[in-house]
Amino acid sequence: MIKRHLGRFKYAFSGLYFALRNDFSYASQVYGGALVIGIFTYFVSPNQTELMFLTLAWVLILITEIQNSALEEALDHMHPDLHHKIGRSKDMAAGAVLTAGFFLIFVMVVITFF
């Protein structure tokens, strides 16, 4: 039973690998976020708790981005023609990524100035 459940991880890792190799937005968030946080960490030298919040905010961006990409992929497959309601769904998913990005900026501002 445990072996069967552990075997399911290959699908999750396969999805991450596919997104990293084929989805420009997700790859940009992975590499760009690592670069930004690395530079920020070099200049600001956050403590352990602050670094945890930075990492948490970045991972939140990655989670919302991969969900956004998955939703867009599914909607494009189910309804390839333009439709205003599908467009709204995609916009809301993109808004979730933007909100996560604002949270990362907020965390960086708090670490820097407070």
Protein backbone atom coordinates (compact mmCIF):
# COMPACT_ATOMS: atom_id res chain seq x y z
CA MET A 1 0.00 0.00 0.00
CA ILE A 2 2.79 2.44 0.88
CA LYS A 3 4.65 1.54 -2.30
CA ARG A 4 1.54 2.32 -4.34
CA HIS A 5 1.18 5.74 -2.70
CA LEU A 6 4.86 6.56 -3.07
CA GLY A 7 4.63 5.62 -6.73
CA ARG A 8 2.21 8.49 -7.25
CA PHE A 9 4.93 11.01 -6.53
CA LYS A 10 6.32 10.35 -10.00
CA TYR A 11 3.26 12.07 -11.48
CA ALA A 12 3.79 15.16 -9.32
CA PHE A 13 7.48 15.34 -10.19
CA SER A 14 6.63 14.76 -13.84
CA GLY A 15 4.24 17.73 -13.71
CA LEU A 16 6.87 19.96 -12.11
CA TYR A 17 9.46 18.89 -14.68
CA PHE A 18 7.02 19.48 -17.55
CA ALA A 19 6.11 22.94 -16.26
CA LEU A 20 9.74 23.88 -15.77
CA ARG A 21 10.72 22.77 -19.27
CA ASN A 22 7.63 23.84 -21.23
CA ASP A 23 5.93 26.72 -19.42
CA PHE A 24 7.81 29.99 -19.80
CA SER A 25 5.83 31.72 -17.03
CA TYR A 26 6.58 29.03 -14.44
CA ALA A 27 10.25 28.81 -15.41
CA SER A 28 10.51 32.60 -15.22
CA GLN A 29 9.08 32.56 -11.71
CA VAL A 30 11.45 29.78 -10.62
CA TYR A 31 14.67 31.28 -12.00
CA GLY A 32 13.72 34.94 -11.67
CA GLY A 33 12.50 34.47 -8.11
CA ALA A 34 15.65 32.61 -7.12
CA LEU A 35 17.75 35.41 -8.60
CA VAL A 36 15.77 38.20 -6.92
CA ILE A 37 15.73 36.48 -3.53
CA GLY A 38 19.42 35.64 -3.84
CA ILE A 39 20.35 39.25 -4.59
CA PHE A 40 18.02 40.55 -1.88
CA THR A 41 19.49 38.11 0.65
CA TYR A 42 23.03 39.14 -0.27
CA PHE A 43 22.40 42.84 0.30
CA VAL A 44 19.92 42.74 3.20
CA SER A 45 21.15 39.67 5.15
CA PRO A 46 17.79 38.60 6.58
CA ASN A 47 17.65 36.53 9.73
CA GLN A 48 16.33 32.96 9.73
CA THR A 49 12.69 33.95 10.28
CA GLU A 50 12.81 36.62 7.59
CA LEU A 51 14.37 34.15 5.18
CA MET A 52 11.57 31.71 5.94
CA PHE A 53 8.98 34.37 5.05
CA LEU A 54 10.83 35.24 1.84
CA THR A 55 10.92 31.60 0.84
CA LEU A 56 7.27 31.10 1.78
CA ALA A 57 6.22 34.10 -0.33
CA TRP A 58 8.25 32.84 -3.30
CA VAL A 59 6.80 29.32 -3.03
CA LEU A 60 3.33 30.86 -2.90
CA ILE A 61 4.09 32.52 -6.25
CA LEU A 62 5.28 29.19 -7.68
CA ILE A 63 2.17 27.38 -6.46
CA THR A 64 -0.22 29.96 -7.89
CA GLU A 65 1.73 30.13 -11.16
CA ILE A 66 1.64 26.39 -11.76
CA GLN A 67 -2.08 26.32 -10.92
CA ASN A 68 -2.65 29.24 -13.29
CA SER A 69 -0.76 27.44 -16.05
CA ALA A 70 -2.63 24.19 -15.47
CA LEU A 71 -5.98 26.00 -15.56
CA GLU A 72 -5.08 27.85 -18.76
CA GLU A 73 -3.90 24.63 -20.39
CA ALA A 74 -7.13 22.82 -19.49
CA LEU A 75 -9.39 25.68 -20.55
CA ASP A 76 -7.58 26.10 -23.87
CA HIS A 77 -8.01 22.39 -24.53
CA MET A 78 -11.71 22.32 -23.57
CA HIS A 79 -12.64 25.55 -25.34
CA PRO A 80 -10.04 26.62 -27.95
CA ASP A 81 -12.18 29.51 -29.21
CA LEU A 82 -12.16 32.86 -27.45
CA HIS A 83 -14.92 33.26 -24.89
CA HIS A 84 -15.33 36.11 -22.44
CA LYS A 85 -16.11 33.87 -19.45
CA ILE A 86 -13.06 31.69 -20.09
CA GLY A 87 -11.02 34.87 -20.41
CA ARG A 88 -12.33 36.03 -17.04
CA SER A 89 -11.34 32.73 -15.44
CA LYS A 90 -7.83 33.07 -16.83
CA ASP A 91 -7.64 36.68 -15.66
CA MET A 92 -8.65 35.70 -12.14
CA ALA A 93 -6.02 32.96 -12.04
CA ALA A 94 -3.42 35.47 -13.23
CA GLY A 95 -4.67 37.82 -10.52
CA ALA A 96 -3.86 35.16 -7.93
CA VAL A 97 -0.26 35.10 -9.16
CA LEU A 98 -0.13 38.89 -9.02
CA THR A 99 -1.50 38.88 -5.47
CA ALA A 100 1.21 36.41 -4.44
CA GLY A 101 3.78 38.69 -6.06
CA PHE A 102 2.46 41.63 -4.06
CA PHE A 103 2.85 39.54 -0.91
CA LEU A 104 6.51 38.87 -1.77
CA ILE A 105 7.08 42.60 -2.29
CA PHE A 106 5.34 43.32 1.02
CA VAL A 107 7.59 40.83 2.82
CA MET A 108 10.68 42.39 1.23
CA VAL A 109 9.59 45.91 2.24
CA VAL A 110 8.90 44.84 5.82
CA ILE A 111 12.28 43.09 6.09
CA THR A 112 14.09 46.08 4.63
CA PHE A 113 12.43 48.94 6.48
CA PHE A 114 10.96 47.59 9.71
